[in-house]
Amino acid sequence: MQKMNIIRLSENTFLILFEQVIDAENFSRIKTLVGKIKQTMANNLIDIIPSYASIHITFNLSALSGIECQQQLEKLLLSTDSDDDNVQSTDVIEIPVYYGSEVALDLSYLAEKAQVSEREVIEIHSSKVYDVYTIGFAPGFAYLGNVDQRIATARKETPRKKIASGSVGIADQQTAIYPSESPGGWQIIGRTPIQLIDYQRENLSELSAGDRVKFIAIDKEEYIRLGGVLPSEITTNNNTVNNPQGDV
């Protein structure tokens, strides 16, 4: 039985804390509870935000008192704790990725560090289904996990000044896609031609916490056909910045 705590943050917000670990089993419980809360309390919810090991809930105080909300949450916690197999099913979102040398700036380095071939890195990275744990750092930047331990690699000591939109990277046991051009310190192993954010759309990002993602390896021709752009020249490790802001 896993310990879960409910903390009241304000008049109409609660935080549910789970075991402070980042793994698929823990996050499955979070997704299950989020589904139950949405189903049971939909008319009284203003917002619900799952993350690595917590759920932030904002409820309608005019429709539900704080005590009533907490009581409902406690009941749902008990039912979730006694039924860990009741995980909400989620469709897998497939994202095409080109792992070619023109865009995979750190693939060779990562393969050498992991003592595997570049092809093996690609196969390992694209063989898993990842959970979107949270969205942060930049609009639409989704933190996905967990990366296979064989290719888990720390961030670069000196981040690059500019990472192209769509770049796919690895940092420790997480992988992510840069939704827009920005500085970044993740190890870049590929690029997707898919646009993940649209500022004209009501839902800014294609990905949300709780989604499941699988990367599909594609060749250069398919990448270009889907709208991918190749750099005019390969960015090197000399294109760096010593003091980036944010968790990049």
Protein backbone atom coordinates (compact mmCIF):
# COMPACT_ATOMS: atom_id res chain seq x y z
CA MET A 1 0.00 0.00 0.00
CA GLN A 2 1.46 3.31 -1.08
CA LYS A 3 1.34 6.37 1.16
CA MET A 4 -0.43 9.36 -0.43
CA ASN A 5 -0.97 12.68 1.33
CA ILE A 6 -3.50 15.44 0.70
CA ILE A 7 -2.30 18.97 1.40
CA ARG A 8 -4.60 21.99 1.25
CA LEU A 9 -2.71 24.85 -0.40
CA SER A 10 -5.42 27.52 -0.40
CA GLU A 11 -9.18 27.96 -0.16
CA ASN A 12 -9.79 26.10 -3.40
CA THR A 13 -6.59 24.17 -4.16
CA PHE A 14 -5.23 20.84 -2.98
CA LEU A 15 -1.99 18.99 -3.65
CA ILE A 16 -1.91 15.19 -3.54
CA LEU A 17 1.60 13.88 -2.92
CA PHE A 18 2.69 10.38 -3.93
CA GLU A 19 5.94 8.58 -3.25
CA GLN A 20 8.70 10.94 -4.41
CA VAL A 21 10.14 8.74 -7.15
CA ILE A 22 10.02 8.97 -10.93
CA ASP A 23 8.91 5.66 -12.38
CA ALA A 24 6.16 4.17 -14.52
CA GLU A 25 4.43 2.35 -11.65
CA ASN A 26 4.12 5.49 -9.54
CA PHE A 27 2.88 7.51 -12.52
CA SER A 28 0.32 4.83 -13.40
CA ARG A 29 -1.29 5.38 -10.01
CA ILE A 30 -1.31 9.11 -10.66
CA LYS A 31 -3.02 8.65 -14.04
CA THR A 32 -5.57 6.30 -12.48
CA LEU A 33 -6.44 8.80 -9.76
CA VAL A 34 -6.62 11.71 -12.23
CA GLY A 35 -9.13 9.72 -14.29
CA LYS A 36 -11.25 8.98 -11.22
CA ILE A 37 -11.18 12.61 -10.07
CA LYS A 38 -12.24 13.85 -13.50
CA GLN A 39 -15.04 11.30 -13.67
CA THR A 40 -16.34 11.86 -10.15
CA MET A 41 -15.78 15.61 -9.67
CA ALA A 42 -15.95 16.94 -13.24
CA ASN A 43 -18.65 19.53 -12.52
CA ASN A 44 -16.73 20.94 -9.57
CA LEU A 45 -13.23 21.03 -11.08
CA ILE A 46 -11.56 24.16 -12.41
CA ASP A 47 -8.19 22.58 -13.18
CA ILE A 48 -6.22 19.42 -12.51
CA ILE A 49 -2.48 19.11 -13.20
CA PRO A 50 -0.64 15.80 -12.80
CA SER A 51 3.14 15.75 -12.47
CA TYR A 52 5.96 13.32 -11.63
CA ALA A 53 4.75 12.48 -8.13
CA SER A 54 1.82 14.80 -7.42
CA ILE A 55 -1.55 16.09 -8.56
CA HIS A 56 -2.52 19.76 -8.22
CA ILE A 57 -6.29 20.32 -8.01
CA THR A 58 -8.26 23.56 -8.23
CA PHE A 59 -11.98 23.22 -7.46
CA ASN A 60 -15.03 25.47 -7.64
CA LEU A 61 -15.47 26.82 -4.12
CA SER A 62 -18.98 28.09 -4.90
CA ALA A 63 -20.09 24.54 -5.71
CA LEU A 64 -18.10 22.59 -3.15
CA SER A 65 -16.64 23.39 0.26
CA GLY A 66 -13.04 22.61 1.08
CA ILE A 67 -14.07 19.92 3.57
CA GLU A 68 -16.39 18.28 1.03
CA CYS A 69 -13.67 18.32 -1.61
CA GLN A 70 -11.14 16.77 0.76
CA GLN A 71 -13.59 14.05 1.77
CA GLN A 72 -14.22 13.15 -1.86
CA LEU A 73 -10.49 13.06 -2.58
CA GLU A 74 -9.85 10.83 0.44
CA LYS A 75 -12.47 8.33 -0.78
CA LEU A 76 -10.90 8.28 -4.23
CA LEU A 77 -7.44 7.80 -2.71
CA LEU A 78 -8.66 4.76 -0.78
CA SER A 79 -10.24 3.20 -3.86
CA THR A 80 -7.10 3.84 -5.92
CA ASP A 81 -4.81 2.44 -3.22
CA SER A 82 -6.83 -0.77 -3.03
CA ASP A 83 -7.03 -1.18 -6.81
CA ASP A 84 -3.62 -0.43 -8.31
CA ASP A 85 -4.46 -2.39 -11.48
CA ASN A 86 -7.26 0.00 -12.43
CA VAL A 87 -5.11 2.13 -14.72
CA GLN A 88 -6.78 4.46 -17.21
CA SER A 89 -5.99 3.35 -20.76
CA THR A 90 -4.35 5.98 -22.94
CA ASP A 91 -3.78 5.84 -26.68
CA VAL A 92 -0.16 5.94 -27.75
CA ILE A 93 0.87 9.02 -29.73
CA GLU A 94 3.39 8.12 -32.43
CA ILE A 95 5.98 10.77 -33.28
CA PRO A 96 8.26 10.33 -36.31
CA VAL A 97 11.94 11.05 -35.72
CA TYR A 98 14.84 11.35 -38.15
CA TYR A 99 18.03 10.17 -36.43
CA GLY A 100 20.39 11.22 -39.25
CA SER A 101 23.79 12.77 -38.58
CA GLU A 102 22.68 16.16 -39.98
CA VAL A 103 20.37 16.65 -36.98
CA ALA A 104 21.58 14.09 -34.40
CA LEU A 105 24.31 16.28 -32.95
CA ASP A 106 25.17 14.00 -30.03
CA LEU A 107 24.24 10.55 -31.31
CA SER A 108 27.85 9.55 -31.94
CA TYR A 109 28.97 10.81 -28.51
CA LEU A 110 26.10 9.07 -26.74
CA ALA A 111 26.73 5.79 -28.55
CA GLU A 112 30.41 5.88 -27.65
CA LYS A 113 29.63 6.67 -24.02
CA ALA A 114 27.05 3.87 -23.84
CA GLN A 115 29.43 1.50 -25.64
CA VAL A 116 26.84 0.57 -28.24
CA SER A 117 26.45 1.37 -31.93
CA GLU A 118 24.49 4.39 -33.16
CA ARG A 119 21.94 2.00 -34.67
CA GLU A 120 21.48 0.36 -31.26
CA VAL A 121 20.89 3.76 -29.62
CA ILE A 122 18.17 4.46 -32.19
CA GLU A 123 16.58 1.03 -31.72
CA ILE A 124 16.63 1.32 -27.93
CA HIS A 125 15.24 4.87 -27.93
CA SER A 126 12.45 4.11 -30.41
CA SER A 127 11.43 0.75 -28.93
CA LYS A 128 9.81 2.07 -25.74
CA VAL A 129 6.50 3.73 -24.97
CA TYR A 130 7.14 6.78 -22.78
CA ASP A 131 4.91 8.56 -20.28
CA VAL A 132 4.60 12.34 -20.45
CA TYR A 133 5.31 13.15 -16.81
CA THR A 134 4.88 16.91 -16.97
CA ILE A 135 5.09 20.02 -19.16
CA GLY A 136 7.63 22.67 -18.20
CA PHE A 137 10.69 24.86 -18.87
CA ALA A 138 9.09 26.20 -22.08
CA PRO A 139 5.55 26.07 -23.56
CA GLY A 140 4.92 22.56 -24.82
CA PHE A 141 8.20 21.11 -23.52
CA ALA A 142 7.16 17.61 -22.42
CA TYR A 143 9.33 15.57 -20.07
CA LEU A 144 9.08 11.89 -21.05
CA GLY A 145 10.37 8.84 -19.24
CA ASN A 146 11.88 6.57 -18.47
CA VAL A 147 14.78 6.20 -20.87
CA ASP A 148 16.42 2.78 -20.99
CA GLN A 149 19.32 2.77 -18.55
CA ARG A 150 21.69 1.67 -21.32
CA ILE A 151 21.41 5.04 -23.09
CA ALA A 152 20.61 7.32 -20.15
CA THR A 153 23.15 10.15 -20.34
CA ALA A 154 23.62 13.33 -18.31
CA ARG A 155 23.00 16.79 -19.75
CA LYS A 156 25.87 18.54 -21.48
CA GLU A 157 28.17 20.42 -19.10
CA THR A 158 27.96 23.47 -21.37
CA PRO A 159 24.60 23.86 -23.12
CA ARG A 160 24.29 25.04 -26.70
CA LYS A 161 23.10 28.55 -27.49
CA LYS A 162 20.56 27.29 -29.99
CA ILE A 163 18.69 24.01 -30.38
CA ALA A 164 16.43 23.69 -33.41
CA SER A 165 12.69 23.23 -33.03
CA GLY A 166 11.75 19.56 -33.09
CA SER A 167 15.10 18.34 -31.75
CA VAL A 168 14.84 15.15 -29.70
CA GLY A 169 17.16 14.87 -26.73
CA ILE A 170 18.10 12.75 -23.74
CA ALA A 171 19.01 13.95 -20.25
CA ASP A 172 19.58 11.27 -17.63
CA GLN A 173 16.53 8.98 -17.68
CA GLN A 174 14.30 11.42 -19.51
CA THR A 175 13.78 12.25 -23.17
CA ALA A 176 12.10 15.29 -24.69
CA ILE A 177 11.35 17.23 -27.86
CA TYR A 178 12.25 20.91 -28.09
CA PRO A 179 8.93 22.41 -29.28
CA SER A 180 10.59 25.65 -30.36
CA GLU A 181 14.10 26.96 -30.96
CA SER A 182 15.88 27.65 -27.67
CA PRO A 183 19.13 27.19 -25.74
CA GLY A 184 19.50 23.67 -24.46
CA GLY A 185 21.76 21.18 -22.74
CA TRP A 186 20.16 17.86 -23.61
CA GLN A 187 22.03 15.31 -25.72
CA ILE A 188 20.46 15.68 -29.18
CA ILE A 189 19.93 12.40 -31.03
CA GLY A 190 17.34 13.27 -33.68
CA ARG A 191 14.62 15.61 -34.89
CA THR A 192 10.92 15.34 -35.62
CA PRO A 193 9.25 17.20 -38.50
CA ILE A 194 6.05 17.48 -36.46
CA GLN A 195 5.10 20.87 -34.99
CA LEU A 196 4.22 20.29 -31.34
CA ILE A 197 2.91 23.75 -30.46
CA ASP A 198 0.46 26.08 -32.17
CA TYR A 199 -0.19 29.47 -30.57
CA GLN A 200 -3.41 29.86 -32.59
CA ARG A 201 -4.91 26.71 -31.11
CA GLU A 202 -6.89 26.54 -27.87
CA ASN A 203 -4.75 23.64 -26.68
CA LEU A 204 -1.28 25.05 -27.26
CA SER A 205 0.61 21.76 -27.12
CA GLU A 206 0.11 18.43 -28.87
CA LEU A 207 1.24 16.69 -25.68
CA SER A 208 -0.15 16.79 -22.15
CA ALA A 209 0.86 15.21 -18.86
CA GLY A 210 -0.46 11.66 -18.81
CA ASP A 211 -0.08 11.06 -22.55
CA ARG A 212 1.93 8.11 -23.85
CA VAL A 213 4.43 8.56 -26.67
CA LYS A 214 6.37 6.26 -28.99
CA PHE A 215 9.06 7.49 -31.37
CA ILE A 216 9.04 6.08 -34.90
CA ALA A 217 12.37 6.11 -36.76
CA ILE A 218 12.07 7.53 -40.30
CA ASP A 219 14.56 8.12 -43.11
CA LYS A 220 15.65 11.44 -44.60
CA GLU A 221 13.17 11.29 -47.48
CA GLU A 222 10.22 10.75 -45.14
CA TYR A 223 11.47 13.49 -42.82
CA ILE A 224 11.56 16.00 -45.68
CA ARG A 225 8.21 14.80 -47.06
CA LEU A 226 6.63 15.49 -43.66
CA GLY A 227 7.98 19.05 -43.67
CA GLY A 228 11.30 18.55 -41.92
CA VAL A 229 14.12 21.00 -42.57
CA LEU A 230 17.80 20.10 -42.68
CA PRO A 231 20.45 22.55 -41.40
CA SER A 232 22.58 24.32 -44.00
CA GLU A 233 25.56 23.31 -41.92
CA ILE A 234 25.93 21.07 -38.89
CA THR A 235 25.96 22.86 -35.54
CA THR A 236 29.01 21.88 -33.51
CA ASN A 237 29.75 21.74 -29.81
CA ASN A 238 31.50 25.11 -30.14
CA ASN A 239 28.09 26.78 -30.35
CA THR A 240 27.68 27.02 -26.57
CA VAL A 241 26.70 29.30 -23.72
CA ASN A 242 27.97 29.12 -20.17
CA ASN A 243 25.01 30.52 -18.24
CA PRO A 244 21.64 29.47 -19.72
CA GLN A 245 18.46 30.32 -17.84
CA GLY A 246 15.90 27.68 -17.03
CA ASP A 247 15.95 23.88 -16.83
CA VAL A 248 17.29 23.14 -20.29
